[in-house]
């Protein structure tokens, strides 16, 4: 089981930021995001903390 890995956050030339996850992490059977190739996520952080929280974006009904 892979529950951590070294990813990367970088800024593209068009000004957008991307977060890359290691393949082994994202394809692990216990990885919390399953299904399609693209999943909308909510990204948040607490002021003064060095952690990002990534959650699946709630589906609208």
PDB file of N, CA and C in Angstrom:
ATOM      1  N   UNK A   1       0.846  -1.178   0.000  1.00  0.00           N
ATOM      2  CA  UNK A   1       0.000   0.000   0.000  1.00  0.00           C
ATOM      3  C   UNK A   1       0.895   1.247   0.000  1.00  0.00           C
ATOM      4  N   UNK A   2       0.532   2.194  -0.837  1.00  0.00           N
ATOM      5  CA  UNK A   2       1.268   3.451  -0.933  1.00  0.00           C
ATOM      6  C   UNK A   2       0.348   4.555  -0.417  1.00  0.00           C
ATOM      7  N   UNK A   3       0.682   5.150   0.736  1.00  0.00           N
ATOM      8  CA  UNK A   3      -0.185   6.209   1.256  1.00  0.00           C
ATOM      9  C   UNK A   3       0.521   7.557   1.317  1.00  0.00           C
ATOM     10  N   UNK A   4       1.718   7.649   0.738  1.00  0.00           N
ATOM     11  CA  UNK A   4       2.386   8.940   0.582  1.00  0.00           C
ATOM     12  C   UNK A   4       3.383   8.851  -0.552  1.00  0.00           C
ATOM     13  N   UNK A   5       3.725   9.976  -1.105  1.00  0.00           N
ATOM     14  CA  UNK A   5       4.682  10.028  -2.206  1.00  0.00           C
ATOM     15  C   UNK A   5       5.124  11.454  -2.431  1.00  0.00           C
ATOM     16  N   UNK A   6       6.173  11.610  -3.177  1.00  0.00           N
ATOM     17  CA  UNK A   6       6.715  12.937  -3.475  1.00  0.00           C
ATOM     18  C   UNK A   6       6.082  13.445  -4.767  1.00  0.00           C
ATOM     19  N   UNK A   7       5.270  14.473  -4.642  1.00  0.00           N
ATOM     20  CA  UNK A   7       4.621  15.084  -5.795  1.00  0.00           C
ATOM     21  C   UNK A   7       5.284  16.414  -6.105  1.00  0.00           C
ATOM     22  N   UNK A   8       4.561  17.245  -6.844  1.00  0.00           N
ATOM     23  CA  UNK A   8       5.135  18.531  -7.238  1.00  0.00           C
ATOM     24  C   UNK A   8       4.007  19.533  -7.476  1.00  0.00           C
ATOM     25  N   UNK A   9       4.230  20.755  -7.055  1.00  0.00           N
ATOM     26  CA  UNK A   9       3.350  21.883  -7.345  1.00  0.00           C
ATOM     27  C   UNK A   9       4.155  22.838  -8.200  1.00  0.00           C
ATOM     28  N   UNK A  10       3.648  23.159  -9.377  1.00  0.00           N
ATOM     29  CA  UNK A  10       4.402  24.090 -10.215  1.00  0.00           C
ATOM     30  C   UNK A  10       3.478  25.003 -10.984  1.00  0.00           C
ATOM     31  N   UNK A  11       4.029  26.126 -11.388  1.00  0.00           N
ATOM     32  CA  UNK A  11       3.283  27.127 -12.136  1.00  0.00           C
ATOM     33  C   UNK A  11       3.596  26.990 -13.616  1.00  0.00           C
ATOM     34  N   UNK A  12       2.515  26.908 -14.410  1.00  0.00           N
ATOM     35  CA  UNK A  12       2.674  26.809 -15.860  1.00  0.00           C
ATOM     36  C   UNK A  12       2.918  28.196 -16.445  1.00  0.00           C
ATOM     37  N   UNK A  13       3.301  28.229 -17.713  1.00  0.00           N
ATOM     38  CA  UNK A  13       3.548  29.501 -18.397  1.00  0.00           C
ATOM     39  C   UNK A  13       2.300  30.361 -18.496  1.00  0.00           C
ATOM     40  N   UNK A  14       1.114  29.715 -18.504  1.00  0.00           N
ATOM     41  CA  UNK A  14      -0.135  30.484 -18.594  1.00  0.00           C
ATOM     42  C   UNK A  14      -0.618  30.978 -17.224  1.00  0.00           C
ATOM     43  N   UNK A  15       0.186  30.758 -16.172  1.00  0.00           N
ATOM     44  CA  UNK A  15      -0.141  31.255 -14.853  1.00  0.00           C
ATOM     45  C   UNK A  15      -0.931  30.292 -13.977  1.00  0.00           C
ATOM     46  N   UNK A  16      -1.398  29.177 -14.541  1.00  0.00           N
ATOM     47  CA  UNK A  16      -2.128  28.193 -13.746  1.00  0.00           C
ATOM     48  C   UNK A  16      -1.143  27.352 -12.941  1.00  0.00           C
ATOM     49  N   UNK A  17      -1.623  26.844 -11.812  1.00  0.00           N
ATOM     50  CA  UNK A  17      -0.811  25.964 -10.977  1.00  0.00           C
ATOM     51  C   UNK A  17      -1.338  24.544 -11.097  1.00  0.00           C
ATOM     52  N   UNK A  18      -0.434  23.592 -11.126  1.00  0.00           N
ATOM     53  CA  UNK A  18      -0.794  22.180 -11.201  1.00  0.00           C
ATOM     54  C   UNK A  18      -0.138  21.427 -10.060  1.00  0.00           C
ATOM     55  N   UNK A  19      -0.850  20.438  -9.531  1.00  0.00           N
ATOM     56  CA  UNK A  19      -0.300  19.543  -8.524  1.00  0.00           C
ATOM     57  C   UNK A  19      -0.175  18.171  -9.178  1.00  0.00           C
ATOM     58  N   UNK A  20       1.020  17.640  -9.184  1.00  0.00           N
ATOM     59  CA  UNK A  20       1.267  16.308  -9.727  1.00  0.00           C
ATOM     60  C   UNK A  20       1.418  15.318  -8.593  1.00  0.00           C
ATOM     61  N   UNK A  21       0.733  14.184  -8.717  1.00  0.00           N
ATOM     62  CA  UNK A  21       0.821  13.106  -7.740  1.00  0.00           C
ATOM     63  C   UNK A  21       1.558  11.935  -8.358  1.00  0.00           C
ATOM     64  N   UNK A  22       2.339  11.219  -7.574  1.00  0.00           N
ATOM     65  CA  UNK A  22       3.013  10.039  -8.108  1.00  0.00           C
ATOM     66  C   UNK A  22       1.997   8.996  -8.577  1.00  0.00           C
ATOM     67  N   UNK A  23       2.296   8.342  -9.657  1.00  0.00           N
ATOM     68  CA  UNK A  23       1.408   7.339 -10.235  1.00  0.00           C
ATOM     69  C   UNK A  23       1.102   6.231  -9.241  1.00  0.00           C
ATOM     70  N   UNK A  24       2.118   5.755  -8.523  1.00  0.00           N
ATOM     71  CA  UNK A  24       1.906   4.676  -7.559  1.00  0.00           C
ATOM     72  C   UNK A  24       0.903   5.076  -6.479  1.00  0.00           C
ATOM     73  N   UNK A  25       0.934   6.325  -6.068  1.00  0.00           N
ATOM     74  CA  UNK A  25      -0.004   6.819  -5.062  1.00  0.00           C
ATOM     75  C   UNK A  25      -1.416   6.880  -5.635  1.00  0.00           C
ATOM     76  N   UNK A  26      -1.569   7.494  -6.776  1.00  0.00           N
ATOM     77  CA  UNK A  26      -2.890   7.704  -7.370  1.00  0.00           C
ATOM     78  C   UNK A  26      -3.546   6.406  -7.841  1.00  0.00           C
ATOM     79  N   UNK A  27      -2.757   5.384  -8.136  1.00  0.00           N
ATOM     80  CA  UNK A  27      -3.311   4.115  -8.616  1.00  0.00           C
ATOM     81  C   UNK A  27      -3.394   3.055  -7.526  1.00  0.00           C
ATOM     82  N   UNK A  28      -3.046   3.408  -6.299  1.00  0.00           N
ATOM     83  CA  UNK A  28      -3.147   2.468  -5.192  1.00  0.00           C
ATOM     84  C   UNK A  28      -4.620   2.136  -4.942  1.00  0.00           C
ATOM     85  N   UNK A  29      -4.896   0.906  -4.565  1.00  0.00           N
ATOM     86  CA  UNK A  29      -6.285   0.479  -4.361  1.00  0.00           C
ATOM     87  C   UNK A  29      -6.974   1.233  -3.231  1.00  0.00           C
ATOM     88  N   UNK A  30      -6.230   1.810  -2.311  1.00  0.00           N
ATOM     89  CA  UNK A  30      -6.819   2.544  -1.193  1.00  0.00           C
ATOM     90  C   UNK A  30      -6.895   4.055  -1.438  1.00  0.00           C
ATOM     91  N   UNK A  31      -6.461   4.524  -2.601  1.00  0.00           N
ATOM     92  CA  UNK A  31      -6.522   5.948  -2.924  1.00  0.00           C
ATOM     93  C   UNK A  31      -7.983   6.386  -2.893  1.00  0.00           C
ATOM     94  N   UNK A  32      -8.297   7.503  -2.230  1.00  0.00           N
ATOM     95  CA  UNK A  32      -9.709   7.864  -2.008  1.00  0.00           C
ATOM     96  C   UNK A  32     -10.481   8.345  -3.227  1.00  0.00           C
ATOM     97  N   UNK A  33      -9.827   8.723  -4.318  1.00  0.00           N
ATOM     98  CA  UNK A  33     -10.533   9.210  -5.497  1.00  0.00           C
ATOM     99  C   UNK A  33     -10.529   8.130  -6.567  1.00  0.00           C
ATOM    100  N   UNK A  34     -11.692   7.640  -6.903  1.00  0.00           N
ATOM    101  CA  UNK A  34     -11.831   6.562  -7.885  1.00  0.00           C
ATOM    102  C   UNK A  34     -12.668   7.043  -9.064  1.00  0.00           C
ATOM    103  N   UNK A  35     -12.574   6.308 -10.149  1.00  0.00           N
ATOM    104  CA  UNK A  35     -13.487   6.569 -11.246  1.00  0.00           C
ATOM    105  C   UNK A  35     -12.836   7.202 -12.448  1.00  0.00           C
ATOM    106  N   UNK A  36     -13.410   8.312 -12.863  1.00  0.00           N
ATOM    107  CA  UNK A  36     -13.035   8.963 -14.124  1.00  0.00           C
ATOM    108  C   UNK A  36     -11.604   9.476 -14.104  1.00  0.00           C
ATOM    109  N   UNK A  37     -11.125   9.840 -15.287  1.00  0.00           N
ATOM    110  CA  UNK A  37      -9.785  10.408 -15.417  1.00  0.00           C
ATOM    111  C   UNK A  37      -9.705  11.800 -14.793  1.00  0.00           C
ATOM    112  N   UNK A  38     -10.818  12.509 -14.771  1.00  0.00           N
ATOM    113  CA  UNK A  38     -10.856  13.852 -14.201  1.00  0.00           C
ATOM    114  C   UNK A  38     -11.877  13.894 -13.078  1.00  0.00           C
ATOM    115  N   UNK A  39     -11.459  14.422 -11.945  1.00  0.00           N
ATOM    116  CA  UNK A  39     -12.335  14.556 -10.793  1.00  0.00           C
ATOM    117  C   UNK A  39     -12.196  15.988 -10.278  1.00  0.00           C
ATOM    118  N   UNK A  40     -13.308  16.662 -10.047  1.00  0.00           N
ATOM    119  CA  UNK A  40     -13.254  18.011  -9.490  1.00  0.00           C
ATOM    120  C   UNK A  40     -12.994  17.910  -7.996  1.00  0.00           C
ATOM    121  N   UNK A  41     -12.089  18.745  -7.517  1.00  0.00           N
ATOM    122  CA  UNK A  41     -11.724  18.704  -6.110  1.00  0.00           C
ATOM    123  C   UNK A  41     -11.776  20.104  -5.507  1.00  0.00           C
ATOM    124  N   UNK A  42     -11.974  20.144  -4.210  1.00  0.00           N
ATOM    125  CA  UNK A  42     -11.902  21.373  -3.432  1.00  0.00           C
ATOM    126  C   UNK A  42     -10.542  21.365  -2.737  1.00  0.00           C
ATOM    127  N   UNK A  43      -9.775  22.436  -2.878  1.00  0.00           N
ATOM    128  CA  UNK A  43      -8.464  22.546  -2.252  1.00  0.00           C
ATOM    129  C   UNK A  43      -8.519  23.709  -1.264  1.00  0.00           C
ATOM    130  N   UNK A  44      -8.120  23.458  -0.026  1.00  0.00           N
ATOM    131  CA  UNK A  44      -8.148  24.503   0.999  1.00  0.00           C
ATOM    132  C   UNK A  44      -6.919  24.373   1.892  1.00  0.00           C
ATOM    133  N   UNK A  45      -6.695  25.421   2.691  1.00  0.00           N
ATOM    134  CA  UNK A  45      -5.586  25.401   3.643  1.00  0.00           C
ATOM    135  C   UNK A  45      -5.935  26.305   4.811  1.00  0.00           C
ATOM    136  N   UNK A  46      -5.259  26.085   5.918  1.00  0.00           N
ATOM    137  CA  UNK A  46      -5.414  26.934   7.082  1.00  0.00           C
ATOM    138  C   UNK A  46      -4.285  27.949   7.092  1.00  0.00           C
ATOM    139  N   UNK A  47      -4.599  29.175   7.409  1.00  0.00           N
ATOM    140  CA  UNK A  47      -3.604  30.235   7.442  1.00  0.00           C
ATOM    141  C   UNK A  47      -2.476  29.873   8.417  1.00  0.00           C
ATOM    142  N   UNK A  48      -1.235  29.952   7.955  1.00  0.00           N
ATOM    143  CA  UNK A  48      -0.077  29.649   8.776  1.00  0.00           C
ATOM    144  C   UNK A  48       0.319  28.181   8.775  1.00  0.00           C
ATOM    145  N   UNK A  49      -0.458  27.324   8.136  1.00  0.00           N
ATOM    146  CA  UNK A  49      -0.149  25.895   8.077  1.00  0.00           C
ATOM    147  C   UNK A  49       0.507  25.569   6.744  1.00  0.00           C
ATOM    148  N   UNK A  50       1.285  24.517   6.696  1.00  0.00           N
ATOM    149  CA  UNK A  50       1.969  24.145   5.450  1.00  0.00           C
ATOM    150  C   UNK A  50       1.335  22.915   4.818  1.00  0.00           C
ATOM    151  N   UNK A  51       0.037  22.728   5.015  1.00  0.00           N
ATOM    152  CA  UNK A  51      -0.677  21.572   4.468  1.00  0.00           C
ATOM    153  C   UNK A  51      -1.814  22.037   3.569  1.00  0.00           C
ATOM    154  N   UNK A  52      -2.077  21.250   2.533  1.00  0.00           N
ATOM    155  CA  UNK A  52      -3.245  21.446   1.678  1.00  0.00           C
ATOM    156  C   UNK A  52      -4.238  20.345   1.978  1.00  0.00           C
ATOM    157  N   UNK A  53      -5.504  20.680   1.982  1.00  0.00           N
ATOM    158  CA  UNK A  53      -6.567  19.696   2.134  1.00  0.00           C
ATOM    159  C   UNK A  53      -7.251  19.560   0.779  1.00  0.00           C
ATOM    160  N   UNK A  54      -7.288  18.346   0.263  1.00  0.00           N
ATOM    161  CA  UNK A  54      -7.907  18.088  -1.038  1.00  0.00           C
ATOM    162  C   UNK A  54      -9.097  17.168  -0.807  1.00  0.00           C
ATOM    163  N   UNK A  55     -10.281  17.644  -1.196  1.00  0.00           N
ATOM    164  CA  UNK A  55     -11.509  16.882  -1.018  1.00  0.00           C
ATOM    165  C   UNK A  55     -12.244  16.793  -2.343  1.00  0.00           C
ATOM    166  N   UNK A  56     -12.958  15.699  -2.540  1.00  0.00           N
ATOM    167  CA  UNK A  56     -13.787  15.586  -3.731  1.00  0.00           C
ATOM    168  C   UNK A  56     -14.841  16.680  -3.691  1.00  0.00           C
ATOM    169  N   UNK A  57     -15.024  17.382  -4.804  1.00  0.00           N
ATOM    170  CA  UNK A  57     -16.005  18.460  -4.888  1.00  0.00           C
ATOM    171  C   UNK A  57     -17.396  17.836  -4.841  1.00  0.00           C
ATOM    172  N   UNK A  58     -18.272  18.346  -3.975  1.00  0.00           N
ATOM    173  CA  UNK A  58     -19.623  17.758  -3.877  1.00  0.00           C
ATOM    174  C   UNK A  58     -20.379  17.911  -5.200  1.00  0.00           C
ATOM    175  N   UNK A  59     -21.036  16.866  -5.607  1.00  0.00           N
ATOM    176  CA  UNK A  59     -21.811  16.910  -6.849  1.00  0.00           C
ATOM    177  C   UNK A  59     -23.081  17.711  -6.625  1.00  0.00           C
ATOM    178  N   UNK A  60     -23.393  18.537  -7.580  1.00  0.00           N
ATOM    179  CA  UNK A  60     -24.647  19.304  -7.497  1.00  0.00           C
ATOM    180  C   UNK A  60     -25.793  18.441  -7.936  1.00  0.00           C
ATOM    181  N   UNK A  61     -26.930  18.597  -7.298  1.00  0.00           N
ATOM    182  CA  UNK A  61     -28.104  17.797  -7.655  1.00  0.00           C
ATOM    183  C   UNK A  61     -29.004  18.530  -8.594  1.00  0.00           C
TER     184      UNK A  61
END
